[in-house]
């Protein structure tokens, strides 16, 4: 299986969006909807080609636990 790299600018954009997204949204959505939501936010700022979309989608899926851990930590620190 061939793997593709993700542009570092897109990764920074993703994690910035994660930080800006409401904690309740990050914790309340199932994995599929969370990935869709984050992809939609990124695509509002930058058009992605199909390969970038697929690669980023797989990356976000692999990081859903981390995303939720970060959101949970925000609740504790508030």
N, C-alpha and C. Protein backbone atom coordinates (compact mmCIF):
# COMPACT_ATOMS: atom_id res chain seq x y z
N UNK A 1 0.84 -1.19 0.00
CA UNK A 1 0.00 0.00 0.00
C UNK A 1 0.88 1.24 0.00
N UNK A 2 0.63 2.14 -0.91
CA UNK A 2 1.40 3.35 -1.00
C UNK A 2 0.87 4.37 0.00
N UNK A 3 1.78 5.03 0.69
CA UNK A 3 1.36 6.06 1.63
C UNK A 3 1.74 7.42 1.06
N UNK A 4 0.98 8.42 1.40
CA UNK A 4 1.22 9.77 0.93
C UNK A 4 1.48 10.67 2.13
N UNK A 5 2.33 11.64 1.93
CA UNK A 5 2.59 12.57 3.01
C UNK A 5 1.56 13.69 2.98
N UNK A 6 1.43 14.34 4.12
CA UNK A 6 0.49 15.45 4.24
C UNK A 6 1.33 16.72 4.36
N UNK A 7 0.96 17.70 3.60
CA UNK A 7 1.61 19.00 3.63
C UNK A 7 1.61 19.54 5.07
N UNK A 8 2.75 20.02 5.54
CA UNK A 8 2.84 20.51 6.92
C UNK A 8 1.92 21.70 7.18
N UNK A 9 1.68 22.51 6.16
CA UNK A 9 0.77 23.64 6.32
C UNK A 9 -0.66 23.15 6.61
N UNK A 10 -1.06 22.09 5.92
CA UNK A 10 -2.39 21.52 6.15
C UNK A 10 -2.47 20.91 7.55
N UNK A 11 -1.40 20.26 8.00
CA UNK A 11 -1.39 19.70 9.35
C UNK A 11 -1.52 20.79 10.40
N UNK A 12 -0.78 21.87 10.23
CA UNK A 12 -0.90 22.99 11.19
C UNK A 12 -2.31 23.55 11.18
N UNK A 13 -2.89 23.64 9.99
CA UNK A 13 -4.26 24.13 9.85
C UNK A 13 -5.23 23.21 10.58
N UNK A 14 -5.05 21.91 10.41
CA UNK A 14 -5.91 20.94 11.08
C UNK A 14 -5.86 21.11 12.59
N UNK A 15 -4.66 21.15 13.15
CA UNK A 15 -4.55 21.23 14.61
C UNK A 15 -5.01 22.58 15.14
N UNK A 16 -4.90 23.62 14.33
CA UNK A 16 -5.44 24.92 14.71
C UNK A 16 -6.97 24.84 14.77
N UNK A 17 -7.57 24.18 13.80
CA UNK A 17 -9.02 23.99 13.77
C UNK A 17 -9.47 23.17 14.97
N UNK A 18 -8.72 22.13 15.31
CA UNK A 18 -9.06 21.31 16.47
C UNK A 18 -9.08 22.19 17.72
N UNK A 19 -8.07 23.06 17.87
CA UNK A 19 -8.02 23.95 19.04
C UNK A 19 -9.17 24.95 19.07
N UNK A 20 -9.62 25.38 17.89
CA UNK A 20 -10.68 26.38 17.80
C UNK A 20 -12.08 25.78 17.91
N UNK A 21 -12.21 24.49 17.68
CA UNK A 21 -13.52 23.84 17.68
C UNK A 21 -13.99 23.65 19.12
N UNK A 22 -15.26 23.88 19.34
CA UNK A 22 -15.82 23.73 20.68
C UNK A 22 -15.61 22.32 21.21
N UNK A 23 -15.28 22.25 22.48
CA UNK A 23 -15.04 20.97 23.13
C UNK A 23 -16.23 20.05 23.01
N UNK A 24 -17.42 20.60 23.17
CA UNK A 24 -18.63 19.76 23.10
C UNK A 24 -18.78 19.12 21.72
N UNK A 25 -18.35 19.81 20.68
CA UNK A 25 -18.41 19.25 19.33
C UNK A 25 -17.42 18.11 19.19
N UNK A 26 -16.19 18.34 19.64
CA UNK A 26 -15.16 17.31 19.53
C UNK A 26 -15.52 16.04 20.31
N UNK A 27 -16.16 16.22 21.44
CA UNK A 27 -16.51 15.07 22.28
C UNK A 27 -17.85 14.45 21.89
N UNK A 28 -18.73 15.23 21.26
CA UNK A 28 -20.08 14.77 20.99
C UNK A 28 -20.28 14.02 19.68
N UNK A 29 -19.38 14.22 18.73
CA UNK A 29 -19.56 13.58 17.43
C UNK A 29 -18.94 12.18 17.41
N UNK A 30 -19.53 11.28 16.63
CA UNK A 30 -18.89 9.98 16.44
C UNK A 30 -17.69 10.18 15.52
N UNK A 31 -16.86 9.16 15.38
CA UNK A 31 -15.61 9.30 14.62
C UNK A 31 -15.84 9.78 13.20
N UNK A 32 -16.79 9.19 12.51
CA UNK A 32 -17.06 9.55 11.11
C UNK A 32 -17.48 11.00 10.98
N UNK A 33 -18.39 11.43 11.85
CA UNK A 33 -18.87 12.81 11.78
C UNK A 33 -17.78 13.80 12.21
N UNK A 34 -16.94 13.40 13.15
CA UNK A 34 -15.83 14.26 13.57
C UNK A 34 -14.86 14.48 12.40
N UNK A 35 -14.53 13.42 11.71
CA UNK A 35 -13.63 13.53 10.56
C UNK A 35 -14.26 14.42 9.50
N UNK A 36 -15.54 14.20 9.20
CA UNK A 36 -16.24 15.03 8.21
C UNK A 36 -16.22 16.50 8.59
N UNK A 37 -16.52 16.77 9.84
CA UNK A 37 -16.57 18.15 10.34
C UNK A 37 -15.22 18.83 10.17
N UNK A 38 -14.15 18.15 10.58
CA UNK A 38 -12.82 18.76 10.48
C UNK A 38 -12.40 18.94 9.02
N UNK A 39 -12.70 17.96 8.18
CA UNK A 39 -12.38 18.09 6.75
C UNK A 39 -13.13 19.27 6.12
N UNK A 40 -14.38 19.42 6.47
CA UNK A 40 -15.17 20.53 5.94
C UNK A 40 -14.57 21.88 6.35
N UNK A 41 -14.11 21.96 7.60
CA UNK A 41 -13.51 23.21 8.08
C UNK A 41 -12.22 23.52 7.31
N UNK A 42 -11.42 22.50 7.06
CA UNK A 42 -10.19 22.70 6.31
C UNK A 42 -10.49 23.10 4.87
N UNK A 43 -11.47 22.44 4.27
CA UNK A 43 -11.80 22.72 2.88
C UNK A 43 -12.43 24.11 2.69
N UNK A 44 -12.96 24.69 3.75
CA UNK A 44 -13.44 26.07 3.67
C UNK A 44 -12.27 27.04 3.48
N UNK A 45 -11.12 26.65 4.02
CA UNK A 45 -9.94 27.51 3.95
C UNK A 45 -9.03 27.18 2.78
N UNK A 46 -9.03 25.91 2.35
CA UNK A 46 -8.15 25.49 1.26
C UNK A 46 -8.77 24.31 0.54
N UNK A 47 -8.87 24.44 -0.77
CA UNK A 47 -9.39 23.32 -1.57
C UNK A 47 -8.37 22.18 -1.57
N UNK A 48 -8.85 20.98 -1.29
CA UNK A 48 -7.98 19.80 -1.28
C UNK A 48 -8.29 18.95 -2.50
N UNK A 49 -7.26 18.34 -3.06
CA UNK A 49 -7.51 17.41 -4.15
C UNK A 49 -7.94 16.07 -3.53
N UNK A 50 -8.50 15.16 -4.31
CA UNK A 50 -9.00 13.90 -3.75
C UNK A 50 -7.95 13.11 -2.96
N UNK A 51 -6.72 13.11 -3.44
CA UNK A 51 -5.66 12.40 -2.74
C UNK A 51 -5.39 13.02 -1.38
N UNK A 52 -5.34 14.34 -1.31
CA UNK A 52 -5.13 15.04 -0.04
C UNK A 52 -6.29 14.76 0.91
N UNK A 53 -7.50 14.79 0.37
CA UNK A 53 -8.68 14.53 1.20
C UNK A 53 -8.63 13.13 1.79
N UNK A 54 -8.32 12.13 0.99
CA UNK A 54 -8.25 10.75 1.47
C UNK A 54 -7.14 10.57 2.51
N UNK A 55 -5.98 11.15 2.23
CA UNK A 55 -4.85 11.03 3.15
C UNK A 55 -5.16 11.73 4.47
N UNK A 56 -5.70 12.93 4.38
CA UNK A 56 -6.03 13.68 5.59
C UNK A 56 -7.14 12.99 6.38
N UNK A 57 -8.11 12.44 5.69
CA UNK A 57 -9.19 11.71 6.35
C UNK A 57 -8.63 10.53 7.15
N UNK A 58 -7.74 9.78 6.54
CA UNK A 58 -7.13 8.64 7.24
C UNK A 58 -6.31 9.12 8.43
N UNK A 59 -5.60 10.22 8.26
CA UNK A 59 -4.81 10.78 9.36
C UNK A 59 -5.71 11.19 10.52
N UNK A 60 -6.79 11.91 10.22
CA UNK A 60 -7.70 12.35 11.28
C UNK A 60 -8.31 11.13 11.99
N UNK A 61 -8.72 10.12 11.22
CA UNK A 61 -9.26 8.90 11.83
C UNK A 61 -8.25 8.30 12.81
N UNK A 62 -6.98 8.33 12.45
CA UNK A 62 -5.96 7.75 13.32
C UNK A 62 -5.70 8.60 14.56
N UNK A 63 -6.17 9.84 14.55
CA UNK A 63 -5.92 10.76 15.67
C UNK A 63 -7.17 11.10 16.48
N UNK A 64 -8.28 10.41 16.25
CA UNK A 64 -9.52 10.78 16.96
C UNK A 64 -9.37 10.64 18.47
N UNK A 65 -8.68 9.62 18.94
CA UNK A 65 -8.49 9.48 20.39
C UNK A 65 -7.68 10.64 20.95
N UNK A 66 -6.63 11.04 20.25
CA UNK A 66 -5.83 12.18 20.68
C UNK A 66 -6.65 13.46 20.67
N UNK A 67 -7.44 13.66 19.64
CA UNK A 67 -8.29 14.85 19.55
C UNK A 67 -9.25 14.90 20.74
N UNK A 68 -9.83 13.77 21.06
CA UNK A 68 -10.77 13.74 22.20
C UNK A 68 -10.04 13.91 23.53
N UNK A 69 -8.83 13.36 23.64
CA UNK A 69 -8.03 13.57 24.85
C UNK A 69 -7.72 15.04 25.05
N UNK A 70 -7.37 15.73 23.98
CA UNK A 70 -7.09 17.16 24.07
C UNK A 70 -8.34 17.94 24.48
N UNK A 71 -9.47 17.57 23.91
CA UNK A 71 -10.73 18.23 24.26
C UNK A 71 -11.07 17.98 25.73
N UNK A 72 -10.87 16.76 26.17
CA UNK A 72 -11.14 16.41 27.58
C UNK A 72 -10.23 17.22 28.51
N UNK A 73 -8.98 17.39 28.11
CA UNK A 73 -8.04 18.16 28.92
C UNK A 73 -8.48 19.62 29.02
N UNK A 74 -9.08 20.14 27.97
CA UNK A 74 -9.59 21.51 28.01
C UNK A 74 -10.67 21.65 29.07
N UNK A 75 -11.53 20.63 29.19
CA UNK A 75 -12.58 20.66 30.20
C UNK A 75 -12.00 20.72 31.61
N UNK A 76 -10.95 19.96 31.82
CA UNK A 76 -10.30 19.90 33.14
C UNK A 76 -9.63 21.23 33.47
N UNK A 77 -9.06 21.87 32.46
CA UNK A 77 -8.31 23.12 32.68
C UNK A 77 -9.18 24.37 32.74
N UNK A 78 -10.46 24.23 32.47
CA UNK A 78 -11.35 25.41 32.49
C UNK A 78 -11.77 25.77 33.88
